[in-house]
Amino acid sequence: MKNNPIDKNSVITRNLKWQENETGLVVVFKPCLGQSSTGKKIAAIFTFDDYRIRLDRMGSAVWKLCDGSTSLDRILTHLAESFPDEDRKALEERLVAFLHRMNRSRMVTIYSP
């Protein structure tokens, strides 16, 4: 894999506000000027809206499980049960790549044991 592996016992915590829409998909709100207090103040002064990141079914399932107590292994098991037509190895690679991207974007924090 391109990304460093994440320990199967790692837990992931969401760092951004989000909501679930009527179809069960997740919309994540990312501050357009970053999460610093200065960025938030400037955005409030100029009434800049947050970016709205709409996740697909799989991304939404992962996001909902990033509660700071569910392990990576449990998230993978849930995905395998929810998407039985997907190859487990492909699911694992997609999950790890997704979490690395979200971690780099500061959308989530990955805590390894």
Protein backbone atom coordinates (compact mmCIF):
# COMPACT_ATOMS: atom_id res chain seq x y z
CA MET A 1 0.00 0.00 0.00
CA LYS A 2 1.06 3.57 -0.64
CA ASN A 3 0.12 4.80 2.83
CA ASN A 4 1.62 3.67 6.09
CA PRO A 5 -0.49 0.93 7.64
CA ILE A 6 -2.79 1.81 10.49
CA ASP A 7 -2.82 -0.56 13.45
CA LYS A 8 -6.00 -2.66 13.49
CA ASN A 9 -6.63 -1.55 17.10
CA SER A 10 -6.41 2.16 16.26
CA VAL A 11 -9.46 4.29 16.91
CA ILE A 12 -10.50 7.29 14.87
CA THR A 13 -12.14 10.46 16.14
CA ARG A 14 -14.09 12.92 13.99
CA ASN A 15 -12.89 16.54 14.24
CA LEU A 16 -15.64 18.33 12.33
CA LYS A 17 -19.34 19.03 12.60
CA TRP A 18 -21.56 16.84 10.46
CA GLN A 19 -25.12 15.81 9.88
CA GLU A 20 -26.92 12.89 8.35
CA ASN A 21 -29.33 13.70 5.53
CA GLU A 22 -32.72 12.09 4.93
CA THR A 23 -31.18 9.24 2.92
CA GLY A 24 -28.66 8.36 5.64
CA LEU A 25 -25.68 9.93 3.89
CA VAL A 26 -23.30 12.17 5.81
CA VAL A 27 -22.52 15.81 5.06
CA VAL A 28 -19.36 17.08 6.78
CA PHE A 29 -18.88 20.80 7.42
CA LYS A 30 -15.28 21.93 7.00
CA PRO A 31 -14.47 25.56 7.87
CA CYS A 32 -13.42 27.35 4.68
CA LEU A 33 -10.64 29.26 6.46
CA GLY A 34 -9.47 26.42 8.67
CA GLN A 35 -10.20 25.46 12.23
CA SER A 36 -8.08 28.08 13.97
CA SER A 37 -9.84 30.70 16.06
CA THR A 38 -8.58 33.43 13.70
CA GLY A 39 -9.95 31.64 10.65
CA LYS A 40 -13.28 31.11 12.36
CA LYS A 41 -13.50 34.79 13.37
CA ILE A 42 -12.73 36.02 9.86
CA ALA A 43 -15.24 33.58 8.37
CA ALA A 44 -17.89 34.81 10.83
CA ILE A 45 -17.18 38.48 10.04
CA PHE A 46 -17.49 37.93 6.30
CA THR A 47 -20.21 35.25 6.70
CA PHE A 48 -18.26 32.65 4.76
CA ASP A 49 -20.00 29.30 4.69
CA ASP A 50 -18.28 26.05 5.58
CA TYR A 51 -17.40 23.65 2.81
CA ARG A 52 -19.98 20.88 2.62
CA ILE A 53 -18.40 17.53 1.92
CA ARG A 54 -20.95 14.93 0.87
CA LEU A 55 -19.86 11.37 1.55
CA ASP A 56 -21.06 8.32 -0.38
CA ARG A 57 -22.61 5.26 1.29
CA MET A 58 -19.29 3.72 2.25
CA GLY A 59 -17.74 7.01 3.40
CA SER A 60 -20.86 7.75 5.45
CA ALA A 61 -20.71 4.34 7.10
CA VAL A 62 -17.05 4.89 8.02
CA TRP A 63 -17.66 8.45 9.26
CA LYS A 64 -20.46 7.35 11.59
CA LEU A 65 -18.14 4.73 13.12
CA CYS A 66 -15.30 7.20 13.74
CA ASP A 67 -16.53 7.82 17.26
CA GLY A 68 -13.24 7.50 19.12
CA SER A 69 -14.05 4.07 20.51
CA THR A 70 -14.58 1.83 17.49
CA SER A 71 -11.39 0.13 16.32
CA LEU A 72 -10.22 0.04 12.72
CA ASP A 73 -10.73 -3.73 12.76
CA ARG A 74 -14.36 -3.31 13.85
CA ILE A 75 -14.95 -0.66 11.16
CA LEU A 76 -13.57 -3.05 8.55
CA THR A 77 -15.80 -5.85 9.82
CA HIS A 78 -18.83 -3.54 9.64
CA LEU A 79 -17.94 -2.57 6.06
CA ALA A 80 -17.54 -6.20 5.04
CA GLU A 81 -21.00 -6.95 6.48
CA SER A 82 -22.59 -3.86 4.90
CA PHE A 83 -20.94 -4.33 1.48
CA PRO A 84 -20.79 -8.11 1.03
CA ASP A 85 -20.11 -7.90 -2.72
CA GLU A 86 -16.83 -6.06 -2.10
CA ASP A 87 -13.53 -7.92 -1.73
CA ARG A 88 -12.34 -7.62 1.90
CA LYS A 89 -8.74 -6.80 0.88
CA ALA A 90 -9.99 -4.06 -1.47
CA LEU A 91 -12.23 -2.74 1.32
CA GLU A 92 -9.29 -2.60 3.69
CA GLU A 93 -7.11 -0.74 1.18
CA ARG A 94 -9.91 1.72 0.40
CA LEU A 95 -10.61 2.27 4.11
CA VAL A 96 -6.96 2.91 4.99
CA ALA A 97 -6.51 5.29 2.04
CA PHE A 98 -9.72 7.15 3.00
CA LEU A 99 -8.65 7.50 6.63
CA HIS A 100 -5.17 8.71 5.65
CA ARG A 101 -6.69 11.39 3.39
CA MET A 102 -9.09 12.50 6.12
CA ASN A 103 -6.28 12.52 8.69
CA ARG A 104 -4.06 14.67 6.42
CA SER A 105 -7.00 17.06 5.98
CA ARG A 106 -7.47 17.17 9.78
CA MET A 107 -11.01 15.88 9.40
CA VAL A 108 -10.22 12.98 11.75
CA THR A 109 -7.50 12.02 14.21
CA ILE A 110 -6.14 8.47 14.31
CA TYR A 111 -5.11 7.20 17.74
CA SER A 112 -2.89 4.12 17.79
CA PRO A 113 -2.66 1.99 20.94
